[in-house]
């Protein structure tokens, strides 16, 4: 099951599976990598963070169009994590995309 926050900012996410790995790919354009937290506990992988506004409405700025979304986000994965090697989770962030590579345990 994937649980998401109720924030206006909901990152797009793909989950892929190979024989040896799971890949979770999340689009996070405009998010500072220092604002992203990836944690694994109690068989749940949680990715959370915040996309901060670059302008505030109270800065005296008039917005003629405002389509971009901002705010905190949280995505929790608990349905794929029954057979992973929790000591072998690799996270890379490049050009606004977070890629998690998660080693699967051997199927028995």
PDB file of N, CA and C in Angstrom:
ATOM      1  N   UNK A   1       0.841  -1.176   0.000  1.00  0.00           N
ATOM      2  CA  UNK A   1       0.000   0.000   0.000  1.00  0.00           C
ATOM      3  C   UNK A   1       0.886   1.238   0.000  1.00  0.00           C
ATOM      4  N   UNK A   2       0.513   2.226  -0.745  1.00  0.00           N
ATOM      5  CA  UNK A   2       1.219   3.494  -0.769  1.00  0.00           C
ATOM      6  C   UNK A   2       0.312   4.524  -0.123  1.00  0.00           C
ATOM      7  N   UNK A   3       0.840   5.197   0.872  1.00  0.00           N
ATOM      8  CA  UNK A   3       0.083   6.250   1.535  1.00  0.00           C
ATOM      9  C   UNK A   3       0.752   7.575   1.232  1.00  0.00           C
ATOM     10  N   UNK A   4      -0.037   8.591   0.912  1.00  0.00           N
ATOM     11  CA  UNK A   4       0.492   9.898   0.598  1.00  0.00           C
ATOM     12  C   UNK A   4      -0.103  10.927   1.535  1.00  0.00           C
ATOM     13  N   UNK A   5       0.631  12.025   1.694  1.00  0.00           N
ATOM     14  CA  UNK A   5       0.135  13.104   2.530  1.00  0.00           C
ATOM     15  C   UNK A   5      -1.009  13.822   1.823  1.00  0.00           C
ATOM     16  N   UNK A   6      -1.686  14.682   2.551  1.00  0.00           N
ATOM     17  CA  UNK A   6      -2.786  15.462   1.987  1.00  0.00           C
ATOM     18  C   UNK A   6      -2.320  16.810   1.446  1.00  0.00           C
ATOM     19  N   UNK A   7      -1.029  16.991   1.297  1.00  0.00           N
ATOM     20  CA  UNK A   7      -0.448  18.233   0.826  1.00  0.00           C
ATOM     21  C   UNK A   7      -0.882  18.521  -0.609  1.00  0.00           C
ATOM     22  N   UNK A   8      -0.782  19.778  -0.998  1.00  0.00           N
ATOM     23  CA  UNK A   8      -1.035  20.141  -2.385  1.00  0.00           C
ATOM     24  C   UNK A   8       0.063  19.606  -3.289  1.00  0.00           C
ATOM     25  N   UNK A   9       1.263  19.417  -2.749  1.00  0.00           N
ATOM     26  CA  UNK A   9       2.375  18.909  -3.539  1.00  0.00           C
ATOM     27  C   UNK A   9       2.435  17.396  -3.405  1.00  0.00           C
ATOM     28  N   UNK A  10       2.088  16.716  -4.481  1.00  0.00           N
ATOM     29  CA  UNK A  10       2.115  15.249  -4.507  1.00  0.00           C
ATOM     30  C   UNK A  10       3.044  14.814  -5.627  1.00  0.00           C
ATOM     31  N   UNK A  11       4.242  14.381  -5.265  1.00  0.00           N
ATOM     32  CA  UNK A  11       5.206  14.000  -6.303  1.00  0.00           C
ATOM     33  C   UNK A  11       4.732  12.788  -7.103  1.00  0.00           C
ATOM     34  N   UNK A  12       5.056  12.798  -8.396  1.00  0.00           N
ATOM     35  CA  UNK A  12       4.800  11.632  -9.238  1.00  0.00           C
ATOM     36  C   UNK A  12       5.822  10.555  -8.908  1.00  0.00           C
ATOM     37  N   UNK A  13       5.382   9.299  -8.943  1.00  0.00           N
ATOM     38  CA  UNK A  13       6.217   8.203  -8.479  1.00  0.00           C
ATOM     39  C   UNK A  13       5.983   6.961  -9.323  1.00  0.00           C
ATOM     40  N   UNK A  14       7.077   6.260  -9.633  1.00  0.00           N
ATOM     41  CA  UNK A  14       7.003   4.964 -10.306  1.00  0.00           C
ATOM     42  C   UNK A  14       7.679   3.928  -9.407  1.00  0.00           C
ATOM     43  N   UNK A  15       7.160   2.717  -9.405  1.00  0.00           N
ATOM     44  CA  UNK A  15       7.788   1.594  -8.699  1.00  0.00           C
ATOM     45  C   UNK A  15       8.020   0.495  -9.723  1.00  0.00           C
ATOM     46  N   UNK A  16       9.280   0.090  -9.853  1.00  0.00           N
ATOM     47  CA  UNK A  16       9.663  -0.927 -10.820  1.00  0.00           C
ATOM     48  C   UNK A  16      10.284  -2.104 -10.074  1.00  0.00           C
ATOM     49  N   UNK A  17      10.225  -3.259 -10.690  1.00  0.00           N
ATOM     50  CA  UNK A  17      10.757  -4.466 -10.058  1.00  0.00           C
ATOM     51  C   UNK A  17      11.556  -5.260 -11.089  1.00  0.00           C
ATOM     52  N   UNK A  18      12.742  -5.695 -10.675  1.00  0.00           N
ATOM     53  CA  UNK A  18      13.528  -6.628 -11.477  1.00  0.00           C
ATOM     54  C   UNK A  18      13.730  -7.878 -10.624  1.00  0.00           C
ATOM     55  N   UNK A  19      14.479  -8.814 -11.159  1.00  0.00           N
ATOM     56  CA  UNK A  19      14.717 -10.041 -10.405  1.00  0.00           C
ATOM     57  C   UNK A  19      15.457  -9.781  -9.092  1.00  0.00           C
ATOM     58  N   UNK A  20      16.331  -8.780  -9.069  1.00  0.00           N
ATOM     59  CA  UNK A  20      17.169  -8.540  -7.889  1.00  0.00           C
ATOM     60  C   UNK A  20      16.893  -7.246  -7.142  1.00  0.00           C
ATOM     61  N   UNK A  21      16.159  -6.316  -7.751  1.00  0.00           N
ATOM     62  CA  UNK A  21      15.984  -5.002  -7.138  1.00  0.00           C
ATOM     63  C   UNK A  21      14.568  -4.474  -7.321  1.00  0.00           C
ATOM     64  N   UNK A  22      14.183  -3.591  -6.400  1.00  0.00           N
ATOM     65  CA  UNK A  22      13.052  -2.691  -6.591  1.00  0.00           C
ATOM     66  C   UNK A  22      13.652  -1.315  -6.877  1.00  0.00           C
ATOM     67  N   UNK A  23      12.980  -0.553  -7.727  1.00  0.00           N
ATOM     68  CA  UNK A  23      13.372   0.824  -7.983  1.00  0.00           C
ATOM     69  C   UNK A  23      12.163   1.696  -7.704  1.00  0.00           C
ATOM     70  N   UNK A  24      12.371   2.736  -6.934  1.00  0.00           N
ATOM     71  CA  UNK A  24      11.334   3.732  -6.695  1.00  0.00           C
ATOM     72  C   UNK A  24      11.875   5.039  -7.251  1.00  0.00           C
ATOM     73  N   UNK A  25      11.150   5.611  -8.197  1.00  0.00           N
ATOM     74  CA  UNK A  25      11.585   6.825  -8.884  1.00  0.00           C
ATOM     75  C   UNK A  25      10.552   7.903  -8.605  1.00  0.00           C
ATOM     76  N   UNK A  26      11.009   9.008  -8.029  1.00  0.00           N
ATOM     77  CA  UNK A  26      10.090  10.066  -7.609  1.00  0.00           C
ATOM     78  C   UNK A  26      10.544  11.391  -8.212  1.00  0.00           C
ATOM     79  N   UNK A  27       9.640  12.070  -8.907  1.00  0.00           N
ATOM     80  CA  UNK A  27       9.933  13.391  -9.456  1.00  0.00           C
ATOM     81  C   UNK A  27       9.803  14.432  -8.347  1.00  0.00           C
ATOM     82  N   UNK A  28      10.908  15.119  -8.078  1.00  0.00           N
ATOM     83  CA  UNK A  28      10.925  16.142  -7.034  1.00  0.00           C
ATOM     84  C   UNK A  28      11.573  17.428  -7.549  1.00  0.00           C
ATOM     85  N   UNK A  29      11.074  17.979  -8.664  1.00  0.00           N
ATOM     86  CA  UNK A  29      11.693  19.194  -9.187  1.00  0.00           C
ATOM     87  C   UNK A  29      11.551  20.351  -8.206  1.00  0.00           C
ATOM     88  N   UNK A  30      12.630  21.084  -8.048  1.00  0.00           N
ATOM     89  CA  UNK A  30      12.587  22.246  -7.162  1.00  0.00           C
ATOM     90  C   UNK A  30      12.732  21.928  -5.694  1.00  0.00           C
ATOM     91  N   UNK A  31      12.924  20.657  -5.351  1.00  0.00           N
ATOM     92  CA  UNK A  31      13.099  20.283  -3.943  1.00  0.00           C
ATOM     93  C   UNK A  31      14.591  20.195  -3.654  1.00  0.00           C
ATOM     94  N   UNK A  32      15.004  20.907  -2.623  1.00  0.00           N
ATOM     95  CA  UNK A  32      16.391  20.853  -2.185  1.00  0.00           C
ATOM     96  C   UNK A  32      16.662  19.452  -1.640  1.00  0.00           C
ATOM     97  N   UNK A  33      17.726  18.778  -2.086  1.00  0.00           N
ATOM     98  CA  UNK A  33      17.993  17.424  -1.599  1.00  0.00           C
ATOM     99  C   UNK A  33      18.153  17.350  -0.080  1.00  0.00           C
ATOM    100  N   UNK A  34      18.549  18.454   0.530  1.00  0.00           N
ATOM    101  CA  UNK A  34      18.679  18.478   1.991  1.00  0.00           C
ATOM    102  C   UNK A  34      17.323  18.478   2.687  1.00  0.00           C
ATOM    103  N   UNK A  35      16.258  18.706   1.932  1.00  0.00           N
ATOM    104  CA  UNK A  35      14.896  18.710   2.481  1.00  0.00           C
ATOM    105  C   UNK A  35      14.204  17.361   2.314  1.00  0.00           C
ATOM    106  N   UNK A  36      14.933  16.355   1.802  1.00  0.00           N
ATOM    107  CA  UNK A  36      14.351  15.032   1.566  1.00  0.00           C
ATOM    108  C   UNK A  36      14.856  14.066   2.633  1.00  0.00           C
ATOM    109  N   UNK A  37      13.925  13.319   3.233  1.00  0.00           N
ATOM    110  CA  UNK A  37      14.285  12.318   4.235  1.00  0.00           C
ATOM    111  C   UNK A  37      13.782  10.954   3.762  1.00  0.00           C
ATOM    112  N   UNK A  38      14.681   9.989   3.764  1.00  0.00           N
ATOM    113  CA  UNK A  38      14.325   8.611   3.423  1.00  0.00           C
ATOM    114  C   UNK A  38      14.614   7.767   4.650  1.00  0.00           C
ATOM    115  N   UNK A  39      13.593   7.080   5.151  1.00  0.00           N
ATOM    116  CA  UNK A  39      13.801   6.245   6.344  1.00  0.00           C
ATOM    117  C   UNK A  39      13.093   4.909   6.173  1.00  0.00           C
ATOM    118  N   UNK A  40      13.655   3.913   6.829  1.00  0.00           N
ATOM    119  CA  UNK A  40      13.070   2.571   6.814  1.00  0.00           C
ATOM    120  C   UNK A  40      12.946   2.102   8.256  1.00  0.00           C
ATOM    121  N   UNK A  41      11.729   1.798   8.665  1.00  0.00           N
ATOM    122  CA  UNK A  41      11.501   1.277  10.012  1.00  0.00           C
ATOM    123  C   UNK A  41      10.194   0.512  10.025  1.00  0.00           C
ATOM    124  N   UNK A  42      10.168  -0.532  10.818  1.00  0.00           N
ATOM    125  CA  UNK A  42       8.963  -1.350  10.986  1.00  0.00           C
ATOM    126  C   UNK A  42       8.372  -1.784   9.645  1.00  0.00           C
ATOM    127  N   UNK A  43       9.233  -2.240   8.730  1.00  0.00           N
ATOM    128  CA  UNK A  43       8.831  -2.711   7.406  1.00  0.00           C
ATOM    129  C   UNK A  43       8.122  -1.655   6.565  1.00  0.00           C
ATOM    130  N   UNK A  44       8.444  -0.385   6.809  1.00  0.00           N
ATOM    131  CA  UNK A  44       7.864   0.701   6.024  1.00  0.00           C
ATOM    132  C   UNK A  44       8.983   1.617   5.542  1.00  0.00           C
ATOM    133  N   UNK A  45       8.942   1.923   4.259  1.00  0.00           N
ATOM    134  CA  UNK A  45       9.864   2.882   3.672  1.00  0.00           C
ATOM    135  C   UNK A  45       9.109   4.195   3.541  1.00  0.00           C
ATOM    136  N   UNK A  46       9.664   5.250   4.118  1.00  0.00           N
ATOM    137  CA  UNK A  46       9.000   6.541   4.110  1.00  0.00           C
ATOM    138  C   UNK A  46       9.906   7.564   3.447  1.00  0.00           C
ATOM    139  N   UNK A  47       9.359   8.269   2.484  1.00  0.00           N
ATOM    140  CA  UNK A  47      10.053   9.364   1.834  1.00  0.00           C
ATOM    141  C   UNK A  47       9.247  10.620   2.139  1.00  0.00           C
ATOM    142  N   UNK A  48       9.905  11.595   2.739  1.00  0.00           N
ATOM    143  CA  UNK A  48       9.201  12.820   3.099  1.00  0.00           C
ATOM    144  C   UNK A  48      10.096  14.020   2.830  1.00  0.00           C
ATOM    145  N   UNK A  49       9.498  15.170   2.790  1.00  0.00           N
ATOM    146  CA  UNK A  49      10.248  16.389   2.565  1.00  0.00           C
ATOM    147  C   UNK A  49       9.327  17.552   2.341  1.00  0.00           C
ATOM    148  N   UNK A  50       9.896  18.593   1.773  1.00  0.00           N
ATOM    149  CA  UNK A  50       9.102  19.794   1.547  1.00  0.00           C
ATOM    150  C   UNK A  50       9.623  20.532   0.319  1.00  0.00           C
ATOM    151  N   UNK A  51       8.699  20.963  -0.517  1.00  0.00           N
ATOM    152  CA  UNK A  51       9.015  21.856  -1.621  1.00  0.00           C
ATOM    153  C   UNK A  51       8.591  23.243  -1.172  1.00  0.00           C
ATOM    154  N   UNK A  52       9.584  24.082  -0.921  1.00  0.00           N
ATOM    155  CA  UNK A  52       9.311  25.406  -0.362  1.00  0.00           C
ATOM    156  C   UNK A  52       8.999  26.420  -1.453  1.00  0.00           C
ATOM    157  N   UNK A  53       8.155  27.376  -1.089  1.00  0.00           N
ATOM    158  CA  UNK A  53       7.799  28.442  -2.017  1.00  0.00           C
ATOM    159  C   UNK A  53       9.009  29.354  -2.206  1.00  0.00           C
ATOM    160  N   UNK A  54       9.142  29.862  -3.416  1.00  0.00           N
ATOM    161  CA  UNK A  54      10.216  30.807  -3.664  1.00  0.00           C
ATOM    162  C   UNK A  54       9.732  32.257  -3.544  1.00  0.00           C
ATOM    163  N   UNK A  55       8.414  32.452  -3.578  1.00  0.00           N
ATOM    164  CA  UNK A  55       7.811  33.763  -3.353  1.00  0.00           C
ATOM    165  C   UNK A  55       6.618  33.580  -2.433  1.00  0.00           C
ATOM    166  N   UNK A  56       6.398  34.540  -1.575  1.00  0.00           N
ATOM    167  CA  UNK A  56       5.226  34.499  -0.700  1.00  0.00           C
ATOM    168  C   UNK A  56       4.246  35.587  -1.133  1.00  0.00           C
ATOM    169  N   UNK A  57       2.988  35.305  -0.970  1.00  0.00           N
ATOM    170  CA  UNK A  57       1.965  36.277  -1.362  1.00  0.00           C
ATOM    171  C   UNK A  57       2.069  37.574  -0.553  1.00  0.00           C
ATOM    172  N   UNK A  58       2.627  37.487   0.629  1.00  0.00           N
ATOM    173  CA  UNK A  58       2.714  38.684   1.458  1.00  0.00           C
ATOM    174  C   UNK A  58       3.985  39.494   1.181  1.00  0.00           C
ATOM    175  N   UNK A  59       4.741  39.147   0.139  1.00  0.00           N
ATOM    176  CA  UNK A  59       5.932  39.903  -0.239  1.00  0.00           C
ATOM    177  C   UNK A  59       5.576  41.111  -1.108  1.00  0.00           C
ATOM    178  N   UNK A  60       4.297  41.403  -1.251  1.00  0.00           N
ATOM    179  CA  UNK A  60       3.869  42.499  -2.103  1.00  0.00           C
ATOM    180  C   UNK A  60       3.852  42.122  -3.574  1.00  0.00           C
ATOM    181  N   UNK A  61       3.934  40.845  -3.842  1.00  0.00           N
ATOM    182  CA  UNK A  61       3.955  40.350  -5.213  1.00  0.00           C
ATOM    183  C   UNK A  61       2.522  40.025  -5.641  1.00  0.00           C
ATOM    184  N   UNK A  62       2.178  40.416  -6.859  1.00  0.00           N
ATOM    185  CA  UNK A  62       0.869  40.086  -7.418  1.00  0.00           C
ATOM    186  C   UNK A  62       1.047  38.872  -8.321  1.00  0.00           C
ATOM    187  N   UNK A  63       0.313  37.818  -8.035  1.00  0.00           N
ATOM    188  CA  UNK A  63       0.362  36.609  -8.851  1.00  0.00           C
ATOM    189  C   UNK A  63      -0.722  36.696  -9.919  1.00  0.00           C
ATOM    190  N   UNK A  64      -0.343  36.596 -11.164  1.00  0.00           N
ATOM    191  CA  UNK A  64      -1.306  36.568 -12.256  1.00  0.00           C
ATOM    192  C   UNK A  64      -1.670  35.140 -12.623  1.00  0.00           C
ATOM    193  N   UNK A  65      -0.806  34.216 -12.272  1.00  0.00           N
ATOM    194  CA  UNK A  65      -1.059  32.795 -12.499  1.00  0.00           C
ATOM    195  C   UNK A  65      -0.210  32.022 -11.498  1.00  0.00           C
ATOM    196  N   UNK A  66      -0.820  31.061 -10.821  1.00  0.00           N
ATOM    197  CA  UNK A  66      -0.091  30.259  -9.832  1.00  0.00           C
ATOM    198  C   UNK A  66      -0.520  28.798  -9.967  1.00  0.00           C
ATOM    199  N   UNK A  67       0.249  28.020 -10.697  1.00  0.00           N
ATOM    200  CA  UNK A  67      -0.081  26.616 -10.948  1.00  0.00           C
ATOM    201  C   UNK A  67       0.856  25.652 -10.225  1.00  0.00           C
ATOM    202  N   UNK A  68       2.038  26.109  -9.861  1.00  0.00           N
ATOM    203  CA  UNK A  68       2.998  25.209  -9.215  1.00  0.00           C
ATOM    204  C   UNK A  68       2.529  24.896  -7.799  1.00  0.00           C
ATOM    205  N   UNK A  69       2.825  23.708  -7.344  1.00  0.00           N
ATOM    206  CA  UNK A  69       2.413  23.253  -6.022  1.00  0.00           C
ATOM    207  C   UNK A  69       3.604  23.225  -5.077  1.00  0.00           C
ATOM    208  N   UNK A  70       3.334  23.540  -3.833  1.00  0.00           N
ATOM    209  CA  UNK A  70       4.356  23.569  -2.802  1.00  0.00           C
ATOM    210  C   UNK A  70       3.817  22.897  -1.557  1.00  0.00           C
ATOM    211  N   UNK A  71       4.698  22.597  -0.649  1.00  0.00           N
ATOM    212  CA  UNK A  71       4.285  22.074   0.643  1.00  0.00           C
ATOM    213  C   UNK A  71       5.043  20.824   1.018  1.00  0.00           C
ATOM    214  N   UNK A  72       4.670  20.301   2.160  1.00  0.00           N
ATOM    215  CA  UNK A  72       5.275  19.076   2.657  1.00  0.00           C
ATOM    216  C   UNK A  72       4.650  17.878   1.946  1.00  0.00           C
ATOM    217  N   UNK A  73       5.430  16.817   1.854  1.00  0.00           N
ATOM    218  CA  UNK A  73       4.919  15.589   1.268  1.00  0.00           C
ATOM    219  C   UNK A  73       5.450  14.407   2.065  1.00  0.00           C
ATOM    220  N   UNK A  74       4.710  13.316   1.988  1.00  0.00           N
ATOM    221  CA  UNK A  74       5.148  12.066   2.607  1.00  0.00           C
ATOM    222  C   UNK A  74       4.542  10.920   1.819  1.00  0.00           C
ATOM    223  N   UNK A  75       5.400   9.985   1.415  1.00  0.00           N
ATOM    224  CA  UNK A  75       4.956   8.780   0.727  1.00  0.00           C
ATOM    225  C   UNK A  75       5.466   7.600   1.540  1.00  0.00           C
ATOM    226  N   UNK A  76       4.572   6.664   1.865  1.00  0.00           N
ATOM    227  CA  UNK A  76       4.939   5.494   2.664  1.00  0.00           C
ATOM    228  C   UNK A  76       4.655   4.241   1.842  1.00  0.00           C
ATOM    229  N   UNK A  77       5.675   3.405   1.719  1.00  0.00           N
ATOM    230  CA  UNK A  77       5.542   2.126   1.029  1.00  0.00           C
ATOM    231  C   UNK A  77       5.604   1.029   2.071  1.00  0.00           C
ATOM    232  N   UNK A  78       4.571   0.204   2.129  1.00  0.00           N
ATOM    233  CA  UNK A  78       4.606  -0.919   3.072  1.00  0.00           C
ATOM    234  C   UNK A  78       4.183  -2.231   2.429  1.00  0.00           C
ATOM    235  N   UNK A  79       3.886  -2.234   1.157  1.00  0.00           N
ATOM    236  CA  UNK A  79       3.406  -3.446   0.501  1.00  0.00           C
ATOM    237  C   UNK A  79       4.484  -4.211  -0.253  1.00  0.00           C
ATOM    238  N   UNK A  80       5.612  -3.579  -0.567  1.00  0.00           N
ATOM    239  CA  UNK A  80       6.653  -4.289  -1.311  1.00  0.00           C
ATOM    240  C   UNK A  80       7.820  -4.704  -0.429  1.00  0.00           C
ATOM    241  N   UNK A  81       7.777  -4.332   0.816  1.00  0.00           N
ATOM    242  CA  UNK A  81       8.985  -4.412   1.623  1.00  0.00           C
ATOM    243  C   UNK A  81       9.087  -5.645   2.496  1.00  0.00           C
ATOM    244  N   UNK A  82       8.423  -6.700   2.129  1.00  0.00           N
ATOM    245  CA  UNK A  82       8.496  -7.918   2.932  1.00  0.00           C
ATOM    246  C   UNK A  82       9.710  -8.758   2.583  1.00  0.00           C
ATOM    247  N   UNK A  83      10.323  -8.506   1.438  1.00  0.00           N
ATOM    248  CA  UNK A  83      11.469  -9.322   1.049  1.00  0.00           C
ATOM    249  C   UNK A  83      12.656  -8.475   0.597  1.00  0.00           C
ATOM    250  N   UNK A  84      12.930  -7.375   1.303  1.00  0.00           N
ATOM    251  CA  UNK A  84      14.058  -6.527   0.917  1.00  0.00           C
ATOM    252  C   UNK A  84      15.205  -6.679   1.900  1.00  0.00           C
ATOM    253  N   UNK A  85      16.374  -6.318   1.421  1.00  0.00           N
ATOM    254  CA  UNK A  85      17.570  -6.251   2.264  1.00  0.00           C
ATOM    255  C   UNK A  85      17.665  -4.806   2.765  1.00  0.00           C
ATOM    256  N   UNK A  86      17.191  -4.560   3.968  1.00  0.00           N
ATOM    257  CA  UNK A  86      17.106  -3.192   4.479  1.00  0.00           C
ATOM    258  C   UNK A  86      18.471  -2.530   4.653  1.00  0.00           C
ATOM    259  N   UNK A  87      19.547  -3.308   4.612  1.00  0.00           N
ATOM    260  CA  UNK A  87      20.893  -2.743   4.687  1.00  0.00           C
ATOM    261  C   UNK A  87      21.440  -2.395   3.310  1.00  0.00           C
ATOM    262  N   UNK A  88      20.639  -2.592   2.274  1.00  0.00           N
ATOM    263  CA  UNK A  88      21.103  -2.360   0.916  1.00  0.00           C
ATOM    264  C   UNK A  88      20.088  -1.501   0.158  1.00  0.00           C
ATOM    265  N   UNK A  89      19.883  -0.277   0.651  1.00  0.00           N
ATOM    266  CA  UNK A  89      19.011   0.698   0.007  1.00  0.00           C
ATOM    267  C   UNK A  89      19.894   1.863  -0.433  1.00  0.00           C
ATOM    268  N   UNK A  90      19.909   2.128  -1.730  1.00  0.00           N
ATOM    269  CA  UNK A  90      20.742   3.184  -2.279  1.00  0.00           C
ATOM    270  C   UNK A  90      19.846   4.300  -2.798  1.00  0.00           C
ATOM    271  N   UNK A  91      20.148   5.538  -2.420  1.00  0.00           N
ATOM    272  CA  UNK A  91      19.355   6.686  -2.867  1.00  0.00           C
ATOM    273  C   UNK A  91      20.252   7.648  -3.629  1.00  0.00           C
ATOM    274  N   UNK A  92      19.786   8.077  -4.788  1.00  0.00           N
ATOM    275  CA  UNK A  92      20.504   9.073  -5.584  1.00  0.00           C
ATOM    276  C   UNK A  92      19.508  10.139  -6.024  1.00  0.00           C
ATOM    277  N   UNK A  93      19.944  11.394  -5.950  1.00  0.00           N
ATOM    278  CA  UNK A  93      19.110  12.523  -6.359  1.00  0.00           C
ATOM    279  C   UNK A  93      19.872  13.301  -7.422  1.00  0.00           C
ATOM    280  N   UNK A  94      19.267  13.408  -8.603  1.00  0.00           N
ATOM    281  CA  UNK A  94      19.924  14.128  -9.694  1.00  0.00           C
ATOM    282  C   UNK A  94      18.868  14.833 -10.531  1.00  0.00           C
ATOM    283  N   UNK A  95      19.097  16.100 -10.770  1.00  0.00           N
ATOM    284  CA  UNK A  95      18.238  16.909 -11.640  1.00  0.00           C
ATOM    285  C   UNK A  95      16.761  16.783 -11.290  1.00  0.00           C
ATOM    286  N   UNK A  96      16.458  16.805  -9.992  1.00  0.00           N
ATOM    287  CA  UNK A  96      15.069  16.798  -9.560  1.00  0.00           C
ATOM    288  C   UNK A  96      14.404  15.440  -9.504  1.00  0.00           C
ATOM    289  N   UNK A  97      15.182  14.360  -9.652  1.00  0.00           N
ATOM    290  CA  UNK A  97      14.614  13.019  -9.612  1.00  0.00           C
ATOM    291  C   UNK A  97      15.335  12.201  -8.544  1.00  0.00           C
ATOM    292  N   UNK A  98      14.561  11.628  -7.623  1.00  0.00           N
ATOM    293  CA  UNK A  98      15.096  10.742  -6.591  1.00  0.00           C
ATOM    294  C   UNK A  98      14.900   9.306  -7.051  1.00  0.00           C
ATOM    295  N   UNK A  99      15.991   8.535  -7.064  1.00  0.00           N
ATOM    296  CA  UNK A  99      15.927   7.124  -7.452  1.00  0.00           C
ATOM    297  C   UNK A  99      16.415   6.290  -6.280  1.00  0.00           C
ATOM    298  N   UNK A 100      15.551   5.416  -5.790  1.00  0.00           N
ATOM    299  CA  UNK A 100      15.915   4.466  -4.738  1.00  0.00           C
ATOM    300  C   UNK A 100      16.092   3.101  -5.375  1.00  0.00           C
ATOM    301  N   UNK A 101      17.209   2.483  -5.111  1.00  0.00           N
ATOM    302  CA  UNK A 101      17.496   1.130  -5.595  1.00  0.00           C
ATOM    303  C   UNK A 101      17.558   0.251  -4.353  1.00  0.00           C
ATOM    304  N   UNK A 102      16.640  -0.709  -4.270  1.00  0.00           N
ATOM    305  CA  UNK A 102      16.475  -1.516  -3.065  1.00  0.00           C
ATOM    306  C   UNK A 102      16.714  -2.983  -3.396  1.00  0.00           C
ATOM    307  N   UNK A 103      17.709  -3.560  -2.775  1.00  0.00           N
ATOM    308  CA  UNK A 103      18.070  -4.952  -3.028  1.00  0.00           C
ATOM    309  C   UNK A 103      16.995  -5.875  -2.464  1.00  0.00           C
ATOM    310  N   UNK A 104      16.609  -6.845  -3.281  1.00  0.00           N
ATOM    311  CA  UNK A 104      15.647  -7.865  -2.843  1.00  0.00           C
ATOM    312  C   UNK A 104      16.397  -8.998  -2.167  1.00  0.00           C
ATOM    313  N   UNK A 105      15.787  -9.605  -1.202  1.00  0.00           N
ATOM    314  CA  UNK A 105      16.332 -10.844  -0.638  1.00  0.00           C
ATOM    315  C   UNK A 105      16.064 -11.961  -1.615  1.00  0.00           C
ATOM    316  N   UNK A 106      16.832 -13.020  -1.499  1.00  0.00           N
ATOM    317  CA  UNK A 106      16.603 -14.190  -2.353  1.00  0.00           C
ATOM    318  C   UNK A 106      15.227 -14.758  -2.103  1.00  0.00           C
ATOM    319  N   UNK A 107      14.562 -15.095  -3.179  1.00  0.00           N
ATOM    320  CA  UNK A 107      13.241 -15.724  -3.049  1.00  0.00           C
ATOM    321  C   UNK A 107      13.442 -17.165  -2.640  1.00  0.00           C
ATOM    322  N   UNK A 108      12.654 -17.595  -1.698  1.00  0.00           N
ATOM    323  CA  UNK A 108      12.768 -18.987  -1.228  1.00  0.00           C
ATOM    324  C   UNK A 108      11.475 -19.712  -1.371  1.00  0.00           C
TER     325      UNK A 108
END
